[in-house]
Amino acid sequence: MLIDVHPKLPMRDRVRTLDFYVTQLGFEALGSEDFEAYLMLRKDSIEIHFFEFKALDPKENYGQVYIRTDDIDHLYQSLLDKKIPIHPNAPLQIKPWGQKEFSLLDPDNNLLTFGQGVL
């Protein structure tokens, strides 16, 4: 039986990634040890892990994760209030597949898409 998933995304700079996710998105760091090349973050009931990839070219990064939420309107507005840039091609909208979604990019161009069912 599968019970959970924790995506692993590339990062170039651990400090910058940690700052973005903690300060901007409200995640918290996991673990009692500080691993230089690995980072585990949690918010509510999700975790995202990051591995160091210093040679990553953000223009060629296709890392993506889809995050479901139960209050997308509040989440979207809270990010706007913090002046966090929303992906220019992915503002909050209802998609034909029955999801209300928006997306943003982290410092390494990992695409974070947030969605909530509307049907």
Protein backbone atom coordinates (compact mmCIF):
# COMPACT_ATOMS: atom_id res chain seq x y z
CA MET A 1 0.00 0.00 0.00
CA LEU A 2 1.32 3.45 -0.93
CA ILE A 3 0.71 6.07 1.75
CA ASP A 4 2.65 9.23 0.88
CA VAL A 5 5.04 10.87 -1.57
CA HIS A 6 7.81 13.39 -1.04
CA PRO A 7 9.08 14.88 -4.30
CA LYS A 8 12.79 15.61 -4.63
CA LEU A 9 13.70 18.74 -6.55
CA PRO A 10 17.09 20.16 -7.55
CA MET A 11 18.58 23.22 -5.85
CA ARG A 12 21.73 25.19 -6.57
CA ASP A 13 22.04 26.98 -3.25
CA ARG A 14 20.73 25.40 -0.05
CA VAL A 15 20.61 28.69 1.90
CA ARG A 16 18.68 30.46 -0.85
CA THR A 17 16.21 27.56 -1.21
CA LEU A 18 15.70 27.35 2.54
CA ASP A 19 15.10 31.10 2.77
CA PHE A 20 12.57 31.13 -0.07
CA TYR A 21 10.51 28.22 1.21
CA VAL A 22 10.62 29.20 4.88
CA THR A 23 10.39 32.99 4.62
CA GLN A 24 8.19 33.31 1.55
CA LEU A 25 6.05 30.16 1.57
CA GLY A 26 5.92 29.32 5.29
CA PHE A 27 7.58 25.90 5.23
CA GLU A 28 9.69 24.60 8.11
CA ALA A 29 12.95 22.66 7.96
CA LEU A 30 12.84 19.01 8.99
CA GLY A 31 15.45 16.92 10.72
CA SER A 32 17.83 17.58 13.53
CA GLU A 33 20.95 17.39 11.37
CA ASP A 34 22.12 19.95 8.85
CA PHE A 35 23.03 18.19 5.62
CA GLU A 36 24.98 20.49 3.32
CA ALA A 37 23.71 18.95 0.07
CA TYR A 38 20.18 17.94 1.07
CA LEU A 39 17.16 19.76 2.45
CA MET A 40 13.82 18.51 3.76
CA LEU A 41 10.93 20.94 4.22
CA ARG A 42 7.38 20.57 5.48
CA LYS A 43 4.23 22.67 5.48
CA ASP A 44 0.98 21.32 6.86
CA SER A 45 0.88 17.69 5.68
CA ILE A 46 3.28 17.88 2.71
CA GLU A 47 7.02 17.53 2.41
CA ILE A 48 9.35 18.57 -0.37
CA HIS A 49 12.96 17.39 -0.42
CA PHE A 50 15.80 19.06 -2.30
CA PHE A 51 19.14 17.73 -3.51
CA GLU A 52 22.13 19.87 -4.36
CA PHE A 53 22.77 20.35 -8.07
CA LYS A 54 25.23 23.26 -8.31
CA ALA A 55 25.60 22.93 -12.11
CA LEU A 56 21.83 23.26 -12.64
CA ASP A 57 20.90 25.70 -15.39
CA PRO A 58 17.53 27.11 -14.24
CA LYS A 59 16.53 27.68 -17.87
CA GLU A 60 16.80 23.92 -18.39
CA ASN A 61 15.16 22.82 -15.14
CA TYR A 62 11.93 20.90 -15.60
CA GLY A 63 11.36 20.12 -11.91
CA GLN A 64 7.68 20.31 -11.06
CA VAL A 65 5.36 19.43 -8.23
CA TYR A 66 1.56 19.66 -7.99
CA ILE A 67 0.29 20.59 -4.53
CA ARG A 68 -3.36 20.18 -3.60
CA THR A 69 -4.95 22.63 -1.19
CA ASP A 70 -8.37 23.03 0.40
CA ASP A 71 -8.38 26.86 0.34
CA ILE A 72 -6.79 28.00 -2.89
CA ASP A 73 -8.32 31.48 -2.85
CA HIS A 74 -6.81 32.28 0.55
CA LEU A 75 -3.44 30.79 -0.39
CA TYR A 76 -3.33 32.75 -3.64
CA GLN A 77 -4.22 36.03 -1.92
CA SER A 78 -1.67 35.46 0.86
CA LEU A 79 1.09 35.02 -1.74
CA LEU A 80 -0.02 38.16 -3.58
CA ASP A 81 -0.03 40.05 -0.27
CA LYS A 82 3.59 38.95 0.30
CA LYS A 83 4.46 40.13 -3.24
CA ILE A 84 5.53 36.62 -4.26
CA PRO A 85 5.57 36.52 -8.07
CA ILE A 86 2.97 34.27 -9.63
CA HIS A 87 4.00 32.59 -12.88
CA PRO A 88 2.96 35.02 -15.66
CA ASN A 89 1.34 32.19 -17.65
CA ALA A 90 -0.42 30.63 -14.66
CA PRO A 91 -2.52 33.04 -12.59
CA LEU A 92 -5.41 31.67 -10.56
CA GLN A 93 -7.96 30.19 -12.93
CA ILE A 94 -10.36 27.31 -13.35
CA LYS A 95 -9.00 24.73 -15.76
CA PRO A 96 -11.09 22.54 -18.09
CA TRP A 97 -10.12 19.48 -16.05
CA GLY A 98 -12.04 20.75 -13.01
CA GLN A 99 -9.20 22.26 -10.98
CA LYS A 100 -8.73 25.84 -9.82
CA GLU A 101 -4.97 26.38 -10.14
CA PHE A 102 -2.06 28.77 -10.14
CA SER A 103 1.70 28.32 -10.37
CA LEU A 104 4.92 29.96 -9.28
CA LEU A 105 8.63 29.33 -9.73
CA ASP A 106 11.15 28.87 -6.94
CA PRO A 107 14.70 30.31 -7.17
CA ASP A 108 15.82 27.33 -9.29
CA ASN A 109 12.80 27.44 -11.63
CA ASN A 110 11.12 24.43 -10.07
CA LEU A 111 7.46 24.88 -10.98
CA LEU A 112 5.05 24.72 -8.02
CA THR A 113 1.45 24.35 -9.11
CA PHE A 114 -1.27 24.64 -6.48
CA GLY A 115 -4.71 23.25 -7.17
CA GLN A 116 -8.13 22.62 -5.70
CA GLY A 117 -10.99 20.64 -7.23
CA VAL A 118 -14.05 22.67 -8.20
CA LEU A 119 -16.36 19.94 -9.50
